[in-house]
PDB file of N, CA and C in Angstrom:
ATOM      1  N   UNK A   1       0.854  -1.163   0.000  1.00  0.00           N
ATOM      2  CA  UNK A   1       0.000   0.000   0.000  1.00  0.00           C
ATOM      3  C   UNK A   1       0.906   1.234   0.000  1.00  0.00           C
ATOM      4  N   UNK A   2       0.509   2.214  -0.779  1.00  0.00           N
ATOM      5  CA  UNK A   2       1.272   3.449  -0.895  1.00  0.00           C
ATOM      6  C   UNK A   2       0.366   4.632  -0.609  1.00  0.00           C
ATOM      7  N   UNK A   3       0.836   5.564   0.209  1.00  0.00           N
ATOM      8  CA  UNK A   3       0.089   6.783   0.497  1.00  0.00           C
ATOM      9  C   UNK A   3       0.590   7.928  -0.362  1.00  0.00           C
ATOM     10  N   UNK A   4      -0.346   8.736  -0.829  1.00  0.00           N
ATOM     11  CA  UNK A   4      -0.015   9.907  -1.636  1.00  0.00           C
ATOM     12  C   UNK A   4      -0.745  11.105  -1.053  1.00  0.00           C
ATOM     13  N   UNK A   5      -0.011  12.161  -0.746  1.00  0.00           N
ATOM     14  CA  UNK A   5      -0.655  13.379  -0.267  1.00  0.00           C
ATOM     15  C   UNK A   5      -0.808  14.343  -1.435  1.00  0.00           C
ATOM     16  N   UNK A   6      -2.045  14.798  -1.626  1.00  0.00           N
ATOM     17  CA  UNK A   6      -2.350  15.770  -2.672  1.00  0.00           C
ATOM     18  C   UNK A   6      -2.582  17.105  -1.982  1.00  0.00           C
ATOM     19  N   UNK A   7      -1.746  18.073  -2.299  1.00  0.00           N
ATOM     20  CA  UNK A   7      -1.859  19.403  -1.696  1.00  0.00           C
ATOM     21  C   UNK A   7      -2.381  20.363  -2.754  1.00  0.00           C
ATOM     22  N   UNK A   8      -3.498  21.014  -2.448  1.00  0.00           N
ATOM     23  CA  UNK A   8      -4.169  21.864  -3.429  1.00  0.00           C
ATOM     24  C   UNK A   8      -4.281  23.278  -2.903  1.00  0.00           C
ATOM     25  N   UNK A   9      -4.163  24.242  -3.798  1.00  0.00           N
ATOM     26  CA  UNK A   9      -4.391  25.639  -3.422  1.00  0.00           C
ATOM     27  C   UNK A   9      -5.028  26.358  -4.591  1.00  0.00           C
ATOM     28  N   UNK A  10      -5.885  27.318  -4.235  1.00  0.00           N
ATOM     29  CA  UNK A  10      -6.566  28.080  -5.283  1.00  0.00           C
ATOM     30  C   UNK A  10      -7.282  29.256  -4.641  1.00  0.00           C
ATOM     31  N   UNK A  11      -7.128  30.416  -5.164  1.00  0.00           N
ATOM     32  CA  UNK A  11      -7.880  31.622  -4.813  1.00  0.00           C
ATOM     33  C   UNK A  11      -8.077  31.906  -3.332  1.00  0.00           C
ATOM     34  N   UNK A  12      -8.658  33.035  -3.048  1.00  0.00           N
ATOM     35  CA  UNK A  12      -8.910  33.455  -1.661  1.00  0.00           C
ATOM     36  C   UNK A  12     -10.223  32.913  -1.111  1.00  0.00           C
ATOM     37  N   UNK A  13     -11.139  32.559  -1.999  1.00  0.00           N
ATOM     38  CA  UNK A  13     -12.435  32.024  -1.589  1.00  0.00           C
ATOM     39  C   UNK A  13     -12.284  30.524  -1.321  1.00  0.00           C
ATOM     40  N   UNK A  14     -12.603  30.056  -0.110  1.00  0.00           N
ATOM     41  CA  UNK A  14     -12.429  28.635   0.212  1.00  0.00           C
ATOM     42  C   UNK A  14     -13.218  27.705  -0.709  1.00  0.00           C
ATOM     43  N   UNK A  15     -14.301  28.192  -1.286  1.00  0.00           N
ATOM     44  CA  UNK A  15     -15.102  27.336  -2.169  1.00  0.00           C
ATOM     45  C   UNK A  15     -14.327  26.937  -3.420  1.00  0.00           C
ATOM     46  N   UNK A  16     -13.386  27.779  -3.840  1.00  0.00           N
ATOM     47  CA  UNK A  16     -12.600  27.458  -5.036  1.00  0.00           C
ATOM     48  C   UNK A  16     -11.726  26.226  -4.818  1.00  0.00           C
ATOM     49  N   UNK A  17     -11.026  26.178  -3.701  1.00  0.00           N
ATOM     50  CA  UNK A  17     -10.160  25.026  -3.436  1.00  0.00           C
ATOM     51  C   UNK A  17     -10.997  23.802  -3.070  1.00  0.00           C
ATOM     52  N   UNK A  18     -12.161  24.003  -2.470  1.00  0.00           N
ATOM     53  CA  UNK A  18     -13.049  22.874  -2.183  1.00  0.00           C
ATOM     54  C   UNK A  18     -13.560  22.253  -3.484  1.00  0.00           C
ATOM     55  N   UNK A  19     -13.853  23.085  -4.479  1.00  0.00           N
ATOM     56  CA  UNK A  19     -14.264  22.569  -5.791  1.00  0.00           C
ATOM     57  C   UNK A  19     -13.135  21.764  -6.439  1.00  0.00           C
ATOM     58  N   UNK A  20     -11.906  22.261  -6.314  1.00  0.00           N
ATOM     59  CA  UNK A  20     -10.752  21.541  -6.847  1.00  0.00           C
ATOM     60  C   UNK A  20     -10.590  20.193  -6.139  1.00  0.00           C
ATOM     61  N   UNK A  21     -10.733  20.185  -4.814  1.00  0.00           N
ATOM     62  CA  UNK A  21     -10.624  18.941  -4.046  1.00  0.00           C
ATOM     63  C   UNK A  21     -11.714  17.951  -4.465  1.00  0.00           C
ATOM     64  N   UNK A  22     -12.911  18.459  -4.750  1.00  0.00           N
ATOM     65  CA  UNK A  22     -13.993  17.591  -5.237  1.00  0.00           C
ATOM     66  C   UNK A  22     -13.632  16.976  -6.586  1.00  0.00           C
ATOM     67  N   UNK A  23     -13.011  17.761  -7.462  1.00  0.00           N
ATOM     68  CA  UNK A  23     -12.598  17.247  -8.773  1.00  0.00           C
ATOM     69  C   UNK A  23     -11.550  16.139  -8.626  1.00  0.00           C
ATOM     70  N   UNK A  24     -10.589  16.340  -7.719  1.00  0.00           N
ATOM     71  CA  UNK A  24      -9.560  15.319  -7.477  1.00  0.00           C
ATOM     72  C   UNK A  24     -10.210  14.067  -6.900  1.00  0.00           C
ATOM     73  N   UNK A  25     -11.146  14.240  -5.966  1.00  0.00           N
ATOM     74  CA  UNK A  25     -11.868  13.111  -5.378  1.00  0.00           C
ATOM     75  C   UNK A  25     -12.592  12.324  -6.472  1.00  0.00           C
ATOM     76  N   UNK A  26     -13.309  13.033  -7.348  1.00  0.00           N
ATOM     77  CA  UNK A  26     -14.044  12.370  -8.431  1.00  0.00           C
ATOM     78  C   UNK A  26     -13.106  11.604  -9.360  1.00  0.00           C
ATOM     79  N   UNK A  27     -11.908  12.112  -9.547  1.00  0.00           N
ATOM     80  CA  UNK A  27     -10.931  11.471 -10.421  1.00  0.00           C
ATOM     81  C   UNK A  27     -10.304  10.223  -9.791  1.00  0.00           C
ATOM     82  N   UNK A  28     -10.011  10.274  -8.483  1.00  0.00           N
ATOM     83  CA  UNK A  28      -9.223   9.217  -7.848  1.00  0.00           C
ATOM     84  C   UNK A  28     -10.000   8.259  -6.955  1.00  0.00           C
ATOM     85  N   UNK A  29     -10.926   8.754  -6.155  1.00  0.00           N
ATOM     86  CA  UNK A  29     -11.548   7.928  -5.112  1.00  0.00           C
ATOM     87  C   UNK A  29     -12.317   6.749  -5.705  1.00  0.00           C
ATOM     88  N   UNK A  30     -12.045   5.577  -5.154  1.00  0.00           N
ATOM     89  CA  UNK A  30     -12.715   4.329  -5.510  1.00  0.00           C
ATOM     90  C   UNK A  30     -12.407   3.867  -6.939  1.00  0.00           C
ATOM     91  N   UNK A  31     -11.286   4.333  -7.494  1.00  0.00           N
ATOM     92  CA  UNK A  31     -10.852   3.829  -8.804  1.00  0.00           C
ATOM     93  C   UNK A  31     -10.294   2.432  -8.612  1.00  0.00           C
ATOM     94  N   UNK A  32     -10.602   1.552  -9.531  1.00  0.00           N
ATOM     95  CA  UNK A  32     -10.197   0.148  -9.425  1.00  0.00           C
ATOM     96  C   UNK A  32      -9.592  -0.338 -10.735  1.00  0.00           C
ATOM     97  N   UNK A  33      -8.672  -1.279 -10.598  1.00  0.00           N
ATOM     98  CA  UNK A  33      -8.135  -1.967 -11.753  1.00  0.00           C
ATOM     99  C   UNK A  33      -7.359  -1.106 -12.732  1.00  0.00           C
ATOM    100  N   UNK A  34      -6.531  -0.216 -12.227  1.00  0.00           N
ATOM    101  CA  UNK A  34      -5.726   0.655 -13.087  1.00  0.00           C
ATOM    102  C   UNK A  34      -4.321   0.094 -13.256  1.00  0.00           C
ATOM    103  N   UNK A  35      -3.675   0.510 -14.321  1.00  0.00           N
ATOM    104  CA  UNK A  35      -2.241   0.279 -14.480  1.00  0.00           C
ATOM    105  C   UNK A  35      -1.613   1.655 -14.642  1.00  0.00           C
ATOM    106  N   UNK A  36      -0.810   2.052 -13.659  1.00  0.00           N
ATOM    107  CA  UNK A  36      -0.157   3.357 -13.664  1.00  0.00           C
ATOM    108  C   UNK A  36       1.341   3.160 -13.840  1.00  0.00           C
ATOM    109  N   UNK A  37       1.836   3.547 -14.990  1.00  0.00           N
ATOM    110  CA  UNK A  37       3.263   3.424 -15.289  1.00  0.00           C
ATOM    111  C   UNK A  37       3.769   1.995 -15.061  1.00  0.00           C
ATOM    112  N   UNK A  38       2.958   1.016 -15.454  1.00  0.00           N
ATOM    113  CA  UNK A  38       3.332  -0.385 -15.325  1.00  0.00           C
ATOM    114  C   UNK A  38       2.990  -1.024 -13.996  1.00  0.00           C
ATOM    115  N   UNK A  39       2.491  -0.256 -13.039  1.00  0.00           N
ATOM    116  CA  UNK A  39       2.124  -0.782 -11.719  1.00  0.00           C
ATOM    117  C   UNK A  39       0.621  -1.045 -11.699  1.00  0.00           C
ATOM    118  N   UNK A  40       0.245  -2.272 -11.340  1.00  0.00           N
ATOM    119  CA  UNK A  40      -1.171  -2.635 -11.252  1.00  0.00           C
ATOM    120  C   UNK A  40      -1.734  -2.125  -9.925  1.00  0.00           C
ATOM    121  N   UNK A  41      -2.737  -1.274 -10.007  1.00  0.00           N
ATOM    122  CA  UNK A  41      -3.358  -0.692  -8.816  1.00  0.00           C
ATOM    123  C   UNK A  41      -4.761  -1.268  -8.689  1.00  0.00           C
ATOM    124  N   UNK A  42      -5.002  -1.997  -7.605  1.00  0.00           N
ATOM    125  CA  UNK A  42      -6.303  -2.625  -7.394  1.00  0.00           C
ATOM    126  C   UNK A  42      -7.345  -1.612  -6.943  1.00  0.00           C
ATOM    127  N   UNK A  43      -6.942  -0.640  -6.117  1.00  0.00           N
ATOM    128  CA  UNK A  43      -7.912   0.291  -5.540  1.00  0.00           C
ATOM    129  C   UNK A  43      -7.215   1.566  -5.079  1.00  0.00           C
ATOM    130  N   UNK A  44      -7.891   2.702  -5.270  1.00  0.00           N
ATOM    131  CA  UNK A  44      -7.447   3.997  -4.737  1.00  0.00           C
ATOM    132  C   UNK A  44      -8.585   4.548  -3.891  1.00  0.00           C
ATOM    133  N   UNK A  45      -8.268   5.065  -2.707  1.00  0.00           N
ATOM    134  CA  UNK A  45      -9.296   5.698  -1.881  1.00  0.00           C
ATOM    135  C   UNK A  45      -8.715   6.866  -1.099  1.00  0.00           C
ATOM    136  N   UNK A  46      -9.592   7.838  -0.808  1.00  0.00           N
ATOM    137  CA  UNK A  46      -9.170   8.969   0.028  1.00  0.00           C
ATOM    138  C   UNK A  46      -9.386   8.583   1.475  1.00  0.00           C
ATOM    139  N   UNK A  47      -8.348   8.739   2.274  1.00  0.00           N
ATOM    140  CA  UNK A  47      -8.417   8.422   3.695  1.00  0.00           C
ATOM    141  C   UNK A  47      -8.779   9.647   4.521  1.00  0.00           C
ATOM    142  N   UNK A  48      -8.251  10.809   4.141  1.00  0.00           N
ATOM    143  CA  UNK A  48      -8.513  12.016   4.926  1.00  0.00           C
ATOM    144  C   UNK A  48      -8.333  13.252   4.062  1.00  0.00           C
ATOM    145  N   UNK A  49      -8.906  14.354   4.553  1.00  0.00           N
ATOM    146  CA  UNK A  49      -8.749  15.652   3.900  1.00  0.00           C
ATOM    147  C   UNK A  49      -8.918  16.723   4.965  1.00  0.00           C
ATOM    148  N   UNK A  50      -8.112  17.772   4.881  1.00  0.00           N
ATOM    149  CA  UNK A  50      -8.196  18.835   5.883  1.00  0.00           C
ATOM    150  C   UNK A  50      -7.771  20.170   5.286  1.00  0.00           C
ATOM    151  N   UNK A  51      -8.432  21.251   5.697  1.00  0.00           N
ATOM    152  CA  UNK A  51      -7.999  22.582   5.266  1.00  0.00           C
ATOM    153  C   UNK A  51      -6.684  22.941   5.944  1.00  0.00           C
ATOM    154  N   UNK A  52      -5.844  23.684   5.243  1.00  0.00           N
ATOM    155  CA  UNK A  52      -4.550  24.097   5.788  1.00  0.00           C
ATOM    156  C   UNK A  52      -4.465  25.605   5.974  1.00  0.00           C
ATOM    157  N   UNK A  53      -5.568  26.310   5.729  1.00  0.00           N
ATOM    158  CA  UNK A  53      -5.542  27.760   5.861  1.00  0.00           C
ATOM    159  C   UNK A  53      -5.032  28.415   4.592  1.00  0.00           C
ATOM    160  N   UNK A  54      -4.416  29.588   4.746  1.00  0.00           N
ATOM    161  CA  UNK A  54      -3.929  30.347   3.595  1.00  0.00           C
ATOM    162  C   UNK A  54      -2.417  30.243   3.466  1.00  0.00           C
ATOM    163  N   UNK A  55      -1.945  30.282   2.215  1.00  0.00           N
ATOM    164  CA  UNK A  55      -0.502  30.354   2.004  1.00  0.00           C
ATOM    165  C   UNK A  55      -0.067  31.823   2.089  1.00  0.00           C
ATOM    166  N   UNK A  56       1.199  32.105   1.823  1.00  0.00           N
ATOM    167  CA  UNK A  56       1.718  33.471   1.960  1.00  0.00           C
ATOM    168  C   UNK A  56       1.114  34.442   0.945  1.00  0.00           C
ATOM    169  N   UNK A  57       0.459  33.900  -0.091  1.00  0.00           N
ATOM    170  CA  UNK A  57      -0.178  34.743  -1.107  1.00  0.00           C
ATOM    171  C   UNK A  57      -1.685  34.866  -0.886  1.00  0.00           C
ATOM    172  N   UNK A  58      -2.171  34.331   0.239  1.00  0.00           N
ATOM    173  CA  UNK A  58      -3.589  34.442   0.571  1.00  0.00           C
ATOM    174  C   UNK A  58      -4.477  33.393  -0.073  1.00  0.00           C
ATOM    175  N   UNK A  59      -3.881  32.414  -0.762  1.00  0.00           N
ATOM    176  CA  UNK A  59      -4.673  31.357  -1.390  1.00  0.00           C
ATOM    177  C   UNK A  59      -5.031  30.289  -0.362  1.00  0.00           C
ATOM    178  N   UNK A  60      -6.236  29.786  -0.439  1.00  0.00           N
ATOM    179  CA  UNK A  60      -6.683  28.718   0.448  1.00  0.00           C
ATOM    180  C   UNK A  60      -6.010  27.405   0.043  1.00  0.00           C
ATOM    181  N   UNK A  61      -5.680  26.583   1.062  1.00  0.00           N
ATOM    182  CA  UNK A  61      -5.027  25.298   0.812  1.00  0.00           C
ATOM    183  C   UNK A  61      -5.793  24.166   1.481  1.00  0.00           C
ATOM    184  N   UNK A  62      -5.760  23.008   0.835  1.00  0.00           N
ATOM    185  CA  UNK A  62      -6.323  21.770   1.383  1.00  0.00           C
ATOM    186  C   UNK A  62      -5.309  20.666   1.118  1.00  0.00           C
ATOM    187  N   UNK A  63      -5.172  19.745   2.059  1.00  0.00           N
ATOM    188  CA  UNK A  63      -4.352  18.548   1.849  1.00  0.00           C
ATOM    189  C   UNK A  63      -5.260  17.328   1.970  1.00  0.00           C
ATOM    190  N   UNK A  64      -5.101  16.394   1.042  1.00  0.00           N
ATOM    191  CA  UNK A  64      -5.871  15.152   1.064  1.00  0.00           C
ATOM    192  C   UNK A  64      -4.896  13.987   0.952  1.00  0.00           C
ATOM    193  N   UNK A  65      -5.165  12.926   1.699  1.00  0.00           N
ATOM    194  CA  UNK A  65      -4.336  11.731   1.649  1.00  0.00           C
ATOM    195  C   UNK A  65      -5.112  10.610   0.967  1.00  0.00           C
ATOM    196  N   UNK A  66      -4.515  10.080  -0.085  1.00  0.00           N
ATOM    197  CA  UNK A  66      -5.085   8.952  -0.824  1.00  0.00           C
ATOM    198  C   UNK A  66      -4.161   7.756  -0.649  1.00  0.00           C
ATOM    199  N   UNK A  67      -4.756   6.564  -0.604  1.00  0.00           N
ATOM    200  CA  UNK A  67      -3.981   5.330  -0.546  1.00  0.00           C
ATOM    201  C   UNK A  67      -4.225   4.519  -1.804  1.00  0.00           C
ATOM    202  N   UNK A  68      -3.156   3.882  -2.288  1.00  0.00           N
ATOM    203  CA  UNK A  68      -3.217   3.025  -3.464  1.00  0.00           C
ATOM    204  C   UNK A  68      -2.791   1.628  -3.051  1.00  0.00           C
ATOM    205  N   UNK A  69      -3.632   0.655  -3.357  1.00  0.00           N
ATOM    206  CA  UNK A  69      -3.264  -0.737  -3.086  1.00  0.00           C
ATOM    207  C   UNK A  69      -2.807  -1.359  -4.399  1.00  0.00           C
ATOM    208  N   UNK A  70      -1.533  -1.671  -4.474  1.00  0.00           N
ATOM    209  CA  UNK A  70      -0.953  -2.243  -5.687  1.00  0.00           C
ATOM    210  C   UNK A  70      -0.944  -3.765  -5.589  1.00  0.00           C
ATOM    211  N   UNK A  71      -1.016  -4.414  -6.751  1.00  0.00           N
ATOM    212  CA  UNK A  71      -0.954  -5.874  -6.804  1.00  0.00           C
ATOM    213  C   UNK A  71       0.054  -6.283  -7.867  1.00  0.00           C
ATOM    214  N   UNK A  72       0.579  -7.462  -7.696  1.00  0.00           N
ATOM    215  CA  UNK A  72       1.467  -8.036  -8.707  1.00  0.00           C
ATOM    216  C   UNK A  72       0.677  -9.090  -9.472  1.00  0.00           C
ATOM    217  N   UNK A  73       0.715  -9.024 -10.790  1.00  0.00           N
ATOM    218  CA  UNK A  73      -0.009 -10.034 -11.572  1.00  0.00           C
ATOM    219  C   UNK A  73       0.507 -11.438 -11.252  1.00  0.00           C
ATOM    220  N   UNK A  74      -0.406 -12.379 -11.115  1.00  0.00           N
ATOM    221  CA  UNK A  74      -0.059 -13.759 -10.811  1.00  0.00           C
ATOM    222  C   UNK A  74      -1.178 -14.657 -11.336  1.00  0.00           C
ATOM    223  N   UNK A  75      -0.851 -15.823 -11.835  1.00  0.00           N
ATOM    224  CA  UNK A  75      -1.915 -16.705 -12.325  1.00  0.00           C
ATOM    225  C   UNK A  75      -2.819 -17.218 -11.202  1.00  0.00           C
ATOM    226  N   UNK A  76      -2.383 -17.112  -9.953  1.00  0.00           N
ATOM    227  CA  UNK A  76      -3.162 -17.630  -8.826  1.00  0.00           C
ATOM    228  C   UNK A  76      -3.779 -16.526  -7.970  1.00  0.00           C
ATOM    229  N   UNK A  77      -3.724 -15.288  -8.440  1.00  0.00           N
ATOM    230  CA  UNK A  77      -4.242 -14.152  -7.676  1.00  0.00           C
ATOM    231  C   UNK A  77      -5.610 -13.764  -8.207  1.00  0.00           C
ATOM    232  N   UNK A  78      -6.572 -13.677  -7.301  1.00  0.00           N
ATOM    233  CA  UNK A  78      -7.922 -13.247  -7.672  1.00  0.00           C
ATOM    234  C   UNK A  78      -8.212 -11.948  -6.958  1.00  0.00           C
ATOM    235  N   UNK A  79      -8.357 -10.857  -7.688  1.00  0.00           N
ATOM    236  CA  UNK A  79      -8.649  -9.533  -7.118  1.00  0.00           C
ATOM    237  C   UNK A  79     -10.053  -9.157  -7.446  1.00  0.00           C
TER     238      UNK A  79
END
């Protein structure tokens, strides 16, 4: 299992970065049966998400943690 932190920032209005986080969620969460750069990924899910406040330029930030469960192809493996 591999964890990936996605850090997002956008505009001063918190709704802008929340919309971006929703787009990332729609793209990644509960994806199954992918091959990413030759790695077989059985499942991707978001474990957590939290606002981080503003950066030095006043943009709102959110961090989300996604986990990827990778598998190795095998004639005896049933996923």
